[in-house]
Amino acid sequence: MAPYDKWMLLANELGLPFTFYVTGLSPNYLLSFAGGCERPLHMTFFQPPPPTRYDLNFSLAGIPVRVHPLFWLIAILFGLNSSTFIGLVIWVVVVFISIVIHELGHSMAMRLYGQDSSIVLHLAGGLAIPESSRRGGRWGRISFDWLQQVVVSLAGPFAGFFLASMVVAIVAVSGGLISVNWLLGFIPVPNAFLPDGSFIVNSVVSTLLWVNVFWGLINLVPVYPLDGGNVSRHLFLKADPWDGFRKSLWLSTISGVIVAVVGLIFWRSIFIALLFGLLAFQSYQTLQGRGGMF
């Protein structure tokens, strides 16, 4: 059995969450990780919060969705630069819809491979969480191979891209104007305008395109725990089962630093600089602080 498969089967036996299925780490490290001794790949900030009485709960396509109240708070805070109250409302609604669609993409991909899941929206965004189910007389989760892991990771951003393409198609059919803005000269962000549309309609259109395209592309940057980081990790592990994890962490660290610098200098975004700086530090800390493993 290949080392990749051994780690995947061990993680499944331990009942580790989806994003921890294949880490390329030794069995002893996985065992200590499952026991709660260390959490090298996630920070508490990115963990699903416990349920509260104020959660919004509903089901979409048979998939349970839970929205923590802090999700609304962070969405409002990021929308405070809106010039009008209706602009703030549009921002919050669009962010909510977009993140649900993104996580629904992950969940539908997991369902394609026979894995049930639930969706949680919280302070740091959203999570599609695989659910344990009883199979063969015991509880557990399905172990995905490397290609299935990649497909599940990519399904989220591409669900957002699909939504954006539908918006562009509707605008085009309606006789609207479509343009593309190029960030840094190579990052395409489409914009659309309906001459006969109201302020509210055009605000919804432009915000939907911005959130789903720009943040979808940002999510594909190979920085852990973003979807791009998960994809790069599985590709590195497939190519190099013994050292691929370390290589993916170095890529995550370097990419995080680059995006943080670009975000601060070119986009004047303190949020992007702090977020990717924090993620880069997390990856570097994992590389340096695990008892000389790397």
Protein backbone atom coordinates (compact mmCIF):
# COMPACT_ATOMS: atom_id res chain seq x y z
CA MET A 1 0.00 0.00 0.00
CA ALA A 2 1.31 3.46 -0.92
CA PRO A 3 2.20 5.84 1.93
CA TYR A 4 -0.54 8.21 0.74
CA ASP A 5 -3.17 5.49 1.16
CA LYS A 6 -1.85 4.48 4.58
CA TRP A 7 -2.23 8.01 5.94
CA MET A 8 -5.68 8.32 4.42
CA LEU A 9 -6.89 5.05 5.95
CA LEU A 10 -5.38 5.89 9.34
CA ALA A 11 -7.04 9.30 9.36
CA ASN A 12 -10.35 7.68 8.49
CA GLU A 13 -9.97 5.18 11.34
CA LEU A 14 -9.29 8.06 13.72
CA GLY A 15 -12.37 9.89 12.51
CA LEU A 16 -10.45 13.05 11.58
CA PRO A 17 -12.31 15.79 9.70
CA PHE A 18 -12.24 15.96 5.92
CA THR A 19 -9.47 18.52 5.66
CA PHE A 20 -7.20 16.34 7.78
CA TYR A 21 -7.61 13.11 5.81
CA VAL A 22 -4.20 13.20 4.17
CA THR A 23 -1.48 15.20 5.83
CA GLY A 24 1.60 13.21 4.93
CA LEU A 25 2.49 12.98 8.60
CA SER A 26 3.64 9.95 10.50
CA PRO A 27 1.10 7.63 12.23
CA ASN A 28 2.34 8.69 15.68
CA TYR A 29 1.80 12.33 14.83
CA LEU A 30 -1.70 11.60 13.56
CA LEU A 31 -2.47 9.75 16.76
CA SER A 32 -1.29 12.65 18.92
CA PHE A 33 -3.23 15.01 16.70
CA ALA A 34 -6.44 13.01 17.09
CA GLY A 35 -5.97 13.09 20.83
CA GLY A 36 -6.05 16.87 20.76
CA CYS A 37 -2.39 17.35 21.62
CA GLU A 38 -1.64 19.46 18.56
CA ARG A 39 -3.55 21.15 15.77
CA PRO A 40 -0.95 22.06 13.17
CA LEU A 41 -3.12 22.70 10.14
CA HIS A 42 -5.96 24.75 11.57
CA MET A 43 -6.32 27.64 13.93
CA THR A 44 -9.27 27.96 16.28
CA PHE A 45 -10.35 30.95 14.20
CA PHE A 46 -11.16 28.60 11.32
CA GLN A 47 -12.93 25.94 13.37
CA PRO A 48 -16.74 25.61 13.41
CA PRO A 49 -18.16 27.35 16.49
CA PRO A 50 -20.49 25.48 18.87
CA PRO A 51 -24.23 25.87 18.23
CA THR A 52 -26.11 28.71 19.91
CA ARG A 53 -29.79 29.46 20.42
CA TYR A 54 -29.42 32.34 17.97
CA ASP A 55 -28.23 30.24 15.02
CA LEU A 56 -30.19 30.30 11.80
CA ASN A 57 -30.84 26.71 10.72
CA PHE A 58 -32.27 25.51 7.44
CA SER A 59 -31.74 22.83 4.79
CA LEU A 60 -30.69 23.30 1.17
CA ALA A 61 -30.85 20.39 -1.28
CA GLY A 62 -31.06 18.09 1.73
CA ILE A 63 -27.89 19.54 3.26
CA PRO A 64 -28.19 21.09 6.75
CA VAL A 65 -27.02 24.70 6.97
CA ARG A 66 -26.25 26.51 10.23
CA VAL A 67 -25.46 30.23 10.36
CA HIS A 68 -23.72 31.43 13.50
CA PRO A 69 -24.71 34.98 14.61
CA LEU A 70 -21.10 36.17 14.35
CA PHE A 71 -21.29 35.57 10.60
CA TRP A 72 -23.78 38.43 10.31
CA LEU A 73 -21.59 40.65 12.46
CA ILE A 74 -18.46 40.18 10.34
CA ALA A 75 -20.47 40.61 7.12
CA ILE A 76 -21.87 43.91 8.41
CA LEU A 77 -18.43 45.12 9.52
CA PHE A 78 -16.97 44.48 6.06
CA GLY A 79 -19.88 46.29 4.46
CA LEU A 80 -19.68 49.45 6.56
CA ASN A 81 -17.88 51.27 3.75
CA SER A 82 -21.14 51.21 1.78
CA SER A 83 -22.40 54.73 1.17
CA THR A 84 -26.03 53.86 1.85
CA PHE A 85 -27.97 51.58 4.15
CA ILE A 86 -29.45 49.70 1.19
CA GLY A 87 -25.89 49.18 -0.07
CA LEU A 88 -24.99 47.58 3.25
CA VAL A 89 -28.02 45.31 3.09
CA ILE A 90 -27.15 44.28 -0.47
CA TRP A 91 -23.58 43.50 0.60
CA VAL A 92 -24.67 41.30 3.52
CA VAL A 93 -27.25 39.42 1.43
CA VAL A 94 -24.82 38.85 -1.46
CA VAL A 95 -22.05 37.65 0.86
CA PHE A 96 -24.49 35.26 2.54
CA ILE A 97 -25.73 33.84 -0.78
CA SER A 98 -22.23 33.60 -2.23
CA ILE A 99 -20.71 31.76 0.72
CA VAL A 100 -23.65 29.36 0.87
CA ILE A 101 -23.20 28.62 -2.86
CA HIS A 102 -19.46 28.16 -2.35
CA GLU A 103 -19.92 25.67 0.49
CA LEU A 104 -22.78 24.00 -1.36
CA GLY A 105 -20.32 23.30 -4.16
CA HIS A 106 -18.06 21.46 -1.70
CA SER A 107 -21.01 19.58 -0.21
CA MET A 108 -22.44 18.53 -3.57
CA ALA A 109 -19.03 17.24 -4.64
CA MET A 110 -18.80 15.22 -1.43
CA ARG A 111 -22.29 13.87 -2.07
CA LEU A 112 -21.13 12.80 -5.53
CA TYR A 113 -18.65 10.50 -3.80
CA GLY A 114 -21.19 9.23 -1.26
CA GLN A 115 -20.22 11.47 1.67
CA ASP A 116 -22.89 13.37 3.60
CA SER A 117 -22.02 16.81 4.92
CA SER A 118 -23.34 19.92 6.62
CA ILE A 119 -22.57 23.60 6.12
CA VAL A 120 -21.64 26.11 8.82
CA LEU A 121 -21.28 29.84 8.26
CA HIS A 122 -19.31 31.58 10.99
CA LEU A 123 -16.93 34.40 11.82
CA ALA A 124 -14.23 33.32 9.35
CA GLY A 125 -16.57 32.50 6.46
CA GLY A 126 -17.95 29.04 5.82
CA LEU A 127 -17.17 25.36 6.17
CA ALA A 128 -18.50 22.23 4.50
CA ILE A 129 -18.11 19.56 7.15
CA PRO A 130 -18.33 15.82 6.36
CA GLU A 131 -20.72 13.94 8.62
CA SER A 132 -19.98 10.56 10.15
CA SER A 133 -22.40 7.82 9.18
CA ARG A 134 -22.79 4.18 10.04
CA ARG A 135 -21.20 1.89 7.47
CA GLY A 136 -20.54 -1.79 7.95
CA GLY A 137 -21.50 -1.73 11.62
CA ARG A 138 -19.26 1.19 12.56
CA TRP A 139 -19.27 4.97 12.38
CA GLY A 140 -16.90 6.76 10.05
CA ARG A 141 -16.38 8.93 6.99
CA ILE A 142 -15.55 8.02 3.43
CA SER A 143 -11.85 8.20 2.58
CA PHE A 144 -11.35 10.15 -0.63
CA ASP A 145 -8.40 9.54 -2.93
CA TRP A 146 -6.19 12.44 -3.98
CA LEU A 147 -8.19 13.24 -7.12
CA GLN A 148 -11.50 13.25 -5.26
CA GLN A 149 -9.97 15.55 -2.63
CA VAL A 150 -8.90 17.95 -5.39
CA VAL A 151 -12.34 17.87 -7.01
CA VAL A 152 -14.07 18.58 -3.68
CA SER A 153 -11.70 21.48 -2.96
CA LEU A 154 -12.17 23.04 -6.41
CA ALA A 155 -15.95 22.60 -6.36
CA GLY A 156 -16.40 25.53 -3.96
CA PRO A 157 -14.70 28.30 -5.98
CA PHE A 158 -16.07 26.96 -9.25
CA ALA A 159 -19.60 27.00 -7.85
CA GLY A 160 -19.05 30.73 -7.32
CA PHE A 161 -17.62 31.12 -10.83
CA PHE A 162 -20.70 29.36 -12.21
CA LEU A 163 -22.98 31.75 -10.33
CA ALA A 164 -21.01 34.71 -11.69
CA SER A 165 -21.20 33.34 -15.25
CA MET A 166 -24.98 33.01 -14.90
CA VAL A 167 -25.19 36.64 -13.80
CA VAL A 168 -23.08 37.74 -16.78
CA ALA A 169 -25.24 35.66 -19.14
CA ILE A 170 -28.45 37.21 -17.79
CA VAL A 171 -27.00 40.72 -18.16
CA ALA A 172 -25.85 39.97 -21.72
CA VAL A 173 -29.24 38.57 -22.73
CA SER A 174 -30.91 41.61 -21.17
CA GLY A 175 -28.84 43.97 -23.31
CA GLY A 176 -26.55 45.11 -20.53
CA LEU A 177 -22.92 46.18 -20.68
CA ILE A 178 -20.12 43.84 -19.65
CA SER A 179 -16.51 44.78 -18.99
CA VAL A 180 -13.46 43.23 -17.39
CA ASN A 181 -11.19 44.97 -14.92
CA TRP A 182 -7.64 43.60 -14.67
CA LEU A 183 -6.13 43.74 -11.21
CA LEU A 184 -2.32 43.91 -11.33
CA GLY A 185 -2.66 43.44 -15.08
CA PHE A 186 -3.52 39.73 -14.96
CA ILE A 187 -6.38 39.08 -12.50
CA PRO A 188 -9.71 39.34 -14.36
CA VAL A 189 -12.72 40.69 -12.47
CA PRO A 190 -15.82 41.15 -14.64
CA ASN A 191 -18.30 43.94 -14.15
CA ALA A 192 -21.76 44.32 -15.61
CA PHE A 193 -24.30 47.10 -15.89
CA LEU A 194 -27.94 47.17 -16.92
CA PRO A 195 -28.79 50.57 -18.47
CA ASP A 196 -32.45 50.09 -17.65
CA GLY A 197 -31.80 48.56 -14.26
CA SER A 198 -32.31 50.29 -10.95
CA PHE A 199 -29.57 51.19 -8.49
CA ILE A 200 -30.46 48.15 -6.40
CA VAL A 201 -30.34 45.75 -9.36
CA ASN A 202 -26.99 47.03 -10.61
CA SER A 203 -25.57 47.01 -7.09
CA VAL A 204 -26.59 43.37 -6.67
CA VAL A 205 -25.07 42.46 -10.04
CA SER A 206 -21.73 44.19 -9.43
CA THR A 207 -21.43 42.87 -5.88
CA LEU A 208 -22.24 39.30 -6.93
CA LEU A 209 -19.54 39.41 -9.60
CA TRP A 210 -16.94 40.94 -7.28
CA VAL A 211 -17.50 38.54 -4.40
CA ASN A 212 -17.73 35.36 -6.48
CA VAL A 213 -14.92 36.08 -8.94
CA PHE A 214 -12.35 38.02 -6.93
CA TRP A 215 -12.71 36.05 -3.71
CA GLY A 216 -13.01 32.83 -5.69
CA LEU A 217 -9.64 33.54 -7.28
CA ILE A 218 -8.17 34.54 -3.92
CA ASN A 219 -9.42 31.22 -2.52
CA LEU A 220 -7.40 29.37 -5.16
CA VAL A 221 -4.09 30.82 -3.97
CA PRO A 222 -2.02 27.83 -2.70
CA VAL A 223 -2.15 28.92 0.93
CA TYR A 224 -3.47 26.58 3.61
CA PRO A 225 -6.28 26.23 4.67
CA LEU A 226 -7.76 27.88 1.56
CA ASP A 227 -9.03 25.60 -1.20
CA GLY A 228 -5.94 26.30 -3.29
CA GLY A 229 -3.77 25.21 -0.38
CA ASN A 230 -5.70 21.95 -0.06
CA VAL A 231 -5.32 21.31 -3.80
CA SER A 232 -1.58 21.97 -3.76
CA ARG A 233 -1.11 19.73 -0.72
CA HIS A 234 -2.80 16.76 -2.36
CA LEU A 235 -0.92 17.29 -5.63
CA PHE A 236 2.41 17.47 -3.80
CA LEU A 237 1.54 14.36 -1.80
CA LYS A 238 0.60 12.48 -4.95
CA ALA A 239 3.91 13.38 -6.58
CA ASP A 240 5.98 12.91 -3.42
CA PRO A 241 4.20 10.97 -0.63
CA TRP A 242 7.08 11.32 1.84
CA ASP A 243 8.07 14.95 1.41
CA GLY A 244 5.10 16.48 -0.40
CA PHE A 245 3.50 17.87 2.73
CA ARG A 246 6.61 19.84 3.66
CA LYS A 247 6.88 21.22 0.13
CA SER A 248 3.22 22.29 0.17
CA LEU A 249 3.80 24.12 3.44
CA TRP A 250 6.75 26.02 1.98
CA LEU A 251 4.61 26.97 -1.02
CA SER A 252 1.86 28.06 1.37
CA THR A 253 4.28 30.19 3.39
CA ILE A 254 5.86 31.90 0.37
CA SER A 255 2.52 32.44 -1.40
CA GLY A 256 0.96 33.86 1.75
CA VAL A 257 3.77 36.39 2.16
CA ILE A 258 3.54 37.45 -1.49
CA VAL A 259 -0.23 37.99 -1.35
CA ALA A 260 0.07 39.85 1.96
CA VAL A 261 2.63 42.25 0.46
CA VAL A 262 0.60 42.72 -2.73
CA GLY A 263 -2.56 43.30 -0.72
CA LEU A 264 -0.90 45.95 1.43
CA ILE A 265 1.09 47.82 -1.23
CA PHE A 266 -1.03 47.55 -4.38
CA TRP A 267 -4.57 47.01 -3.06
CA ARG A 268 -4.14 49.03 0.15
CA SER A 269 -6.05 46.28 1.94
CA ILE A 270 -5.06 45.83 5.56
CA PHE A 271 -7.48 42.89 5.81
CA ILE A 272 -5.81 40.89 3.01
CA ALA A 273 -2.37 41.75 4.37
CA LEU A 274 -3.29 40.57 7.87
CA LEU A 275 -5.18 37.49 6.69
CA PHE A 276 -2.48 36.15 4.40
CA GLY A 277 0.28 37.20 6.75
CA LEU A 278 -1.43 35.18 9.47
CA LEU A 279 -1.90 32.17 7.18
CA ALA A 280 1.72 32.35 6.03
CA PHE A 281 2.87 32.46 9.65
CA GLN A 282 0.66 29.47 10.44
CA SER A 283 2.25 27.41 7.66
CA TYR A 284 5.76 28.48 8.67
CA GLN A 285 5.03 27.66 12.30
CA THR A 286 3.91 24.19 11.27
CA LEU A 287 7.16 23.75 9.36
CA GLN A 288 9.39 24.91 12.23
CA GLY A 289 7.58 23.87 15.38
CA ARG A 290 6.96 20.17 15.07
CA GLY A 291 9.94 18.67 16.85
CA GLY A 292 12.28 18.83 13.89
CA MET A 293 9.93 16.81 11.71
CA PHE A 294 10.61 19.10 8.76
